[in-house]
PDB file of N, CA and C in Angstrom:
ATOM      1  N   MET A   1     140.030  59.590  17.122  1.00  0.00           N
ATOM      2  CA  MET A   1     139.428  58.532  17.281  1.00  0.00           C
ATOM      3  C   MET A   1     138.333  57.674  17.272  1.00  0.00           C
ATOM      4  N   ASP A   2     138.012  56.712  16.640  1.00  0.00           N
ATOM      5  CA  ASP A   2     136.391  56.298  16.510  1.00  0.00           C
ATOM      6  C   ASP A   2     136.243  55.497  17.886  1.00  0.00           C
ATOM      7  N   GLY A   3     134.628  55.811  17.688  1.00  0.00           N
ATOM      8  CA  GLY A   3     134.337  54.971  19.054  1.00  0.00           C
ATOM      9  C   GLY A   3     134.669  53.627  19.280  1.00  0.00           C
ATOM     10  N   LYS A   4     134.866  53.049  18.391  1.00  0.00           N
ATOM     11  CA  LYS A   4     135.281  51.410  18.431  1.00  0.00           C
ATOM     12  C   LYS A   4     137.069  51.697  19.191  1.00  0.00           C
ATOM     13  N   ALA A   5     137.429  52.276  18.316  1.00  0.00           N
ATOM     14  CA  ALA A   5     139.342  52.410  18.694  1.00  0.00           C
ATOM     15  C   ALA A   5     138.783  52.498  20.781  1.00  0.00           C
ATOM     16  N   LYS A   6     138.065  53.990  20.935  1.00  0.00           N
ATOM     17  CA  LYS A   6     138.250  54.209  22.388  1.00  0.00           C
ATOM     18  C   LYS A   6     137.885  53.350  22.937  1.00  0.00           C
ATOM     19  N   LYS A   7     136.980  52.419  22.569  1.00  0.00           N
ATOM     20  CA  LYS A   7     136.545  51.236  22.811  1.00  0.00           C
ATOM     21  C   LYS A   7     137.500  50.217  23.554  1.00  0.00           C
ATOM     22  N   ARG A   8     138.034  49.709  22.795  1.00  0.00           N
ATOM     23  CA  ARG A   8     139.231  48.862  22.369  1.00  0.00           C
ATOM     24  C   ARG A   8     140.342  49.105  23.365  1.00  0.00           C
ATOM     25  N   LEU A   9     140.777  50.714  22.762  1.00  0.00           N
ATOM     26  CA  LEU A   9     142.029  51.266  24.267  1.00  0.00           C
ATOM     27  C   LEU A   9     141.402  51.180  25.899  1.00  0.00           C
ATOM     28  N   GLU A  10     139.838  50.996  26.045  1.00  0.00           N
ATOM     29  CA  GLU A  10     139.793  51.556  27.158  1.00  0.00           C
ATOM     30  C   GLU A  10     139.879  49.626  28.108  1.00  0.00           C
ATOM     31  N   VAL A  11     139.279  48.604  26.949  1.00  0.00           N
ATOM     32  CA  VAL A  11     139.558  47.364  27.129  1.00  0.00           C
ATOM     33  C   VAL A  11     140.697  46.602  27.408  1.00  0.00           C
ATOM     34  N   ILE A  12     141.920  47.334  26.551  1.00  0.00           N
ATOM     35  CA  ILE A  12     143.277  47.105  27.166  1.00  0.00           C
ATOM     36  C   ILE A  12     144.042  47.753  28.051  1.00  0.00           C
ATOM     37  N   GLN A  13     143.285  49.065  28.406  1.00  0.00           N
ATOM     38  CA  GLN A  13     144.306  49.446  29.855  1.00  0.00           C
ATOM     39  C   GLN A  13     143.424  48.629  30.958  1.00  0.00           C
ATOM     40  N   LYS A  14     142.096  48.247  31.078  1.00  0.00           N
ATOM     41  CA  LYS A  14     142.068  47.166  31.784  1.00  0.00           C
ATOM     42  C   LYS A  14     142.532  46.193  31.894  1.00  0.00           C
ATOM     43  N   ARG A  15     142.784  45.489  30.898  1.00  0.00           N
ATOM     44  CA  ARG A  15     143.506  43.927  30.835  1.00  0.00           C
ATOM     45  C   ARG A  15     145.207  44.265  31.198  1.00  0.00           C
ATOM     46  N   LEU A  16     145.536  45.775  31.191  1.00  0.00           N
ATOM     47  CA  LEU A  16     147.114  46.383  31.652  1.00  0.00           C
ATOM     48  C   LEU A  16     147.146  46.216  32.940  1.00  0.00           C
ATOM     49  N   GLU A  17     146.025  47.020  33.274  1.00  0.00           N
ATOM     50  CA  GLU A  17     146.050  46.873  34.883  1.00  0.00           C
ATOM     51  C   GLU A  17     146.146  45.773  35.537  1.00  0.00           C
ATOM     52  N   LYS A  18     145.195  44.228  34.643  1.00  0.00           N
ATOM     53  CA  LYS A  18     145.304  43.327  35.272  1.00  0.00           C
ATOM     54  C   LYS A  18     146.409  42.639  35.514  1.00  0.00           C
ATOM     55  N   LEU A  19     147.201  42.207  34.337  1.00  0.00           N
ATOM     56  CA  LEU A  19     148.524  42.101  34.107  1.00  0.00           C
ATOM     57  C   LEU A  19     149.431  42.275  34.701  1.00  0.00           C
ATOM     58  N   ARG A  20     149.169  43.684  35.054  1.00  0.00           N
ATOM     59  CA  ARG A  20     150.704  44.010  35.566  1.00  0.00           C
ATOM     60  C   ARG A  20     150.447  43.576  37.363  1.00  0.00           C
ATOM     61  N   LEU A  21     149.789  43.647  37.691  1.00  0.00           N
ATOM     62  CA  LEU A  21     149.133  43.086  39.016  1.00  0.00           C
ATOM     63  C   LEU A  21     149.729  41.092  39.143  1.00  0.00           C
ATOM     64  N   GLN A  22     149.384  40.868  38.299  1.00  0.00           N
ATOM     65  CA  GLN A  22     149.848  39.767  38.146  1.00  0.00           C
ATOM     66  C   GLN A  22     151.486  39.495  37.986  1.00  0.00           C
ATOM     67  N   LEU A  23     151.875  39.915  36.931  1.00  0.00           N
ATOM     68  CA  LEU A  23     153.502  40.322  36.925  1.00  0.00           C
ATOM     69  C   LEU A  23     154.191  40.700  38.484  1.00  0.00           C
ATOM     70  N   SER A  24     153.235  41.500  39.283  1.00  0.00           N
ATOM     71  CA  SER A  24     153.630  41.855  40.261  1.00  0.00           C
ATOM     72  C   SER A  24     153.586  40.632  41.160  1.00  0.00           C
ATOM     73  N   GLY A  25     152.786  39.833  41.732  1.00  0.00           N
ATOM     74  CA  GLY A  25     152.696  38.639  42.302  1.00  0.00           C
ATOM     75  C   GLY A  25     153.821  38.129  41.569  1.00  0.00           C
ATOM     76  N   ALA A  26     153.532  37.596  40.554  1.00  0.00           N
ATOM     77  CA  ALA A  26     154.637  36.454  39.439  1.00  0.00           C
ATOM     78  C   ALA A  26     156.284  36.506  40.582  1.00  0.00           C
ATOM     79  N   LEU A  27     156.506  38.141  39.946  1.00  0.00           N
ATOM     80  CA  LEU A  27     157.776  38.120  40.692  1.00  0.00           C
ATOM     81  C   LEU A  27     158.207  38.189  41.871  1.00  0.00           C
ATOM     82  N   LYS A  28     157.032  37.960  42.912  1.00  0.00           N
ATOM     83  CA  LYS A  28     157.441  38.148  44.296  1.00  0.00           C
ATOM     84  C   LYS A  28     157.438  36.649  44.661  1.00  0.00           C
ATOM     85  N   GLN A  29     156.651  35.918  43.969  1.00  0.00           N
ATOM     86  CA  GLN A  29     156.395  34.461  44.276  1.00  0.00           C
ATOM     87  C   GLN A  29     157.648  33.512  43.313  1.00  0.00           C
ATOM     88  N   ASN A  30     157.876  33.866  41.918  1.00  0.00           N
ATOM     89  CA  ASN A  30     158.901  33.275  40.997  1.00  0.00           C
ATOM     90  C   ASN A  30     158.807  31.996  40.973  1.00  0.00           C
ATOM     91  N   ASP A  31     157.818  31.223  41.025  1.00  0.00           N
ATOM     92  CA  ASP A  31     157.222  29.585  40.738  1.00  0.00           C
ATOM     93  C   ASP A  31     158.070  29.104  39.554  1.00  0.00           C
ATOM     94  N   ASP A  32     156.964  29.852  39.226  1.00  0.00           N
ATOM     95  CA  ASP A  32     157.239  29.886  37.322  1.00  0.00           C
ATOM     96  C   ASP A  32     158.200  30.831  36.792  1.00  0.00           C
ATOM     97  N   PRO A  33     159.130  30.478  35.904  1.00  0.00           N
ATOM     98  CA  PRO A  33     159.696  32.228  35.184  1.00  0.00           C
ATOM     99  C   PRO A  33     159.717  32.107  33.899  1.00  0.00           C
ATOM    100  N   GLN A  34     158.693  30.863  33.682  1.00  0.00           N
ATOM    101  CA  GLN A  34     158.081  30.969  32.117  1.00  0.00           C
ATOM    102  C   GLN A  34     156.724  32.221  32.064  1.00  0.00           C
ATOM    103  N   GLU A  35     155.997  31.952  33.279  1.00  0.00           N
ATOM    104  CA  GLU A  35     155.333  32.771  33.776  1.00  0.00           C
ATOM    105  C   GLU A  35     155.205  34.545  33.362  1.00  0.00           C
ATOM    106  N   VAL A  36     156.599  34.607  34.081  1.00  0.00           N
ATOM    107  CA  VAL A  36     156.622  36.006  34.021  1.00  0.00           C
ATOM    108  C   VAL A  36     157.115  36.244  32.786  1.00  0.00           C
ATOM    109  N   ALA A  37     157.925  35.578  32.144  1.00  0.00           N
ATOM    110  CA  ALA A  37     158.195  36.204  30.189  1.00  0.00           C
ATOM    111  C   ALA A  37     157.034  35.964  30.046  1.00  0.00           C
ATOM    112  N   ASP A  38     156.180  35.366  30.150  1.00  0.00           N
ATOM    113  CA  ASP A  38     154.757  35.370  29.236  1.00  0.00           C
ATOM    114  C   ASP A  38     153.998  36.620  29.222  1.00  0.00           C
ATOM    115  N   LEU A  39     153.735  36.850  30.899  1.00  0.00           N
ATOM    116  CA  LEU A  39     153.132  38.028  30.814  1.00  0.00           C
ATOM    117  C   LEU A  39     153.878  39.193  30.323  1.00  0.00           C
ATOM    118  N   ARG A  40     155.056  39.432  30.649  1.00  0.00           N
ATOM    119  CA  ARG A  40     155.907  40.420  30.030  1.00  0.00           C
ATOM    120  C   ARG A  40     155.715  40.749  28.838  1.00  0.00           C
ATOM    121  N   LYS A  41     155.561  39.634  27.734  1.00  0.00           N
ATOM    122  CA  LYS A  41     155.669  39.442  26.424  1.00  0.00           C
ATOM    123  C   LYS A  41     154.117  40.083  26.362  1.00  0.00           C
ATOM    124  N   GLU A  42     152.916  39.321  26.822  1.00  0.00           N
ATOM    125  CA  GLU A  42     151.251  40.526  26.655  1.00  0.00           C
ATOM    126  C   GLU A  42     151.667  41.360  26.960  1.00  0.00           C
ATOM    127  N   ILE A  43     152.319  42.125  27.973  1.00  0.00           N
ATOM    128  CA  ILE A  43     152.129  43.787  28.308  1.00  0.00           C
ATOM    129  C   ILE A  43     152.504  44.584  27.108  1.00  0.00           C
ATOM    130  N   GLU A  44     153.636  43.675  26.502  1.00  0.00           N
ATOM    131  CA  GLU A  44     154.441  44.517  25.617  1.00  0.00           C
ATOM    132  C   GLU A  44     153.393  45.067  24.787  1.00  0.00           C
ATOM    133  N   THR A  45     152.619  43.786  23.759  1.00  0.00           N
ATOM    134  CA  THR A  45     151.789  43.442  22.874  1.00  0.00           C
ATOM    135  C   THR A  45     151.099  44.411  23.302  1.00  0.00           C
ATOM    136  N   LEU A  46     150.300  44.148  24.553  1.00  0.00           N
ATOM    137  CA  LEU A  46     148.993  45.505  24.304  1.00  0.00           C
ATOM    138  C   LEU A  46     149.456  46.677  24.175  1.00  0.00           C
ATOM    139  N   GLU A  47     150.696  46.886  24.800  1.00  0.00           N
ATOM    140  CA  GLU A  47     150.968  48.921  25.024  1.00  0.00           C
ATOM    141  C   GLU A  47     151.503  48.891  23.710  1.00  0.00           C
ATOM    142  N   ALA A  48     151.972  47.881  22.899  1.00  0.00           N
ATOM    143  CA  ALA A  48     152.324  48.452  21.157  1.00  0.00           C
ATOM    144  C   ALA A  48     151.174  48.784  20.516  1.00  0.00           C
ATOM    145  N   GLU A  49     149.830  48.083  20.913  1.00  0.00           N
ATOM    146  CA  GLU A  49     148.642  48.435  20.345  1.00  0.00           C
ATOM    147  C   GLU A  49     147.815  48.986  20.608  1.00  0.00           C
ATOM    148  N   ALA A  50     148.061  49.789  22.101  1.00  0.00           N
ATOM    149  CA  ALA A  50     147.204  50.754  22.746  1.00  0.00           C
ATOM    150  C   ALA A  50     148.414  51.949  21.924  1.00  0.00           C
ATOM    151  N   ARG A  51     149.325  52.245  22.100  1.00  0.00           N
ATOM    152  CA  ARG A  51     149.901  53.488  21.201  1.00  0.00           C
ATOM    153  C   ARG A  51     149.518  53.606  19.424  1.00  0.00           C
ATOM    154  N   ARG A  52     149.415  52.185  19.045  1.00  0.00           N
ATOM    155  CA  ARG A  52     149.156  52.110  17.570  1.00  0.00           C
ATOM    156  C   ARG A  52     147.524  53.152  17.690  1.00  0.00           C
ATOM    157  N   LEU A  53     146.502  52.452  18.372  1.00  0.00           N
ATOM    158  CA  LEU A  53     145.317  53.132  18.988  1.00  0.00           C
ATOM    159  C   LEU A  53     145.168  54.429  18.903  1.00  0.00           C
ATOM    160  N   ARG A  54     146.360  54.862  19.373  1.00  0.00           N
ATOM    161  CA  ARG A  54     146.364  56.825  20.314  1.00  0.00           C
ATOM    162  C   ARG A  54     147.106  57.210  18.818  1.00  0.00           C
ATOM    163  N   GLU A  55     148.038  56.648  18.289  1.00  0.00           N
ATOM    164  CA  GLU A  55     148.496  57.370  16.962  1.00  0.00           C
ATOM    165  C   GLU A  55     147.525  57.611  16.122  1.00  0.00           C
ATOM    166  N   SER A  56     146.767  56.527  15.725  1.00  0.00           N
ATOM    167  CA  SER A  56     145.576  56.778  14.443  1.00  0.00           C
ATOM    168  C   SER A  56     144.675  57.759  15.110  1.00  0.00           C
TER     169      SER A  56
END
């Protein structure tokens, strides 16, 4: 894994941490069901990218 991929992976991990906190809060409030779906989709996308980076 080159330096650029490592840096991208770090950025993804930080973003995932924030998104998971947002998802937790959104699930507790449950004001906007679409927000929960959007957050889950973004988390899945970032996790897939992180997995791809680790495998390369």
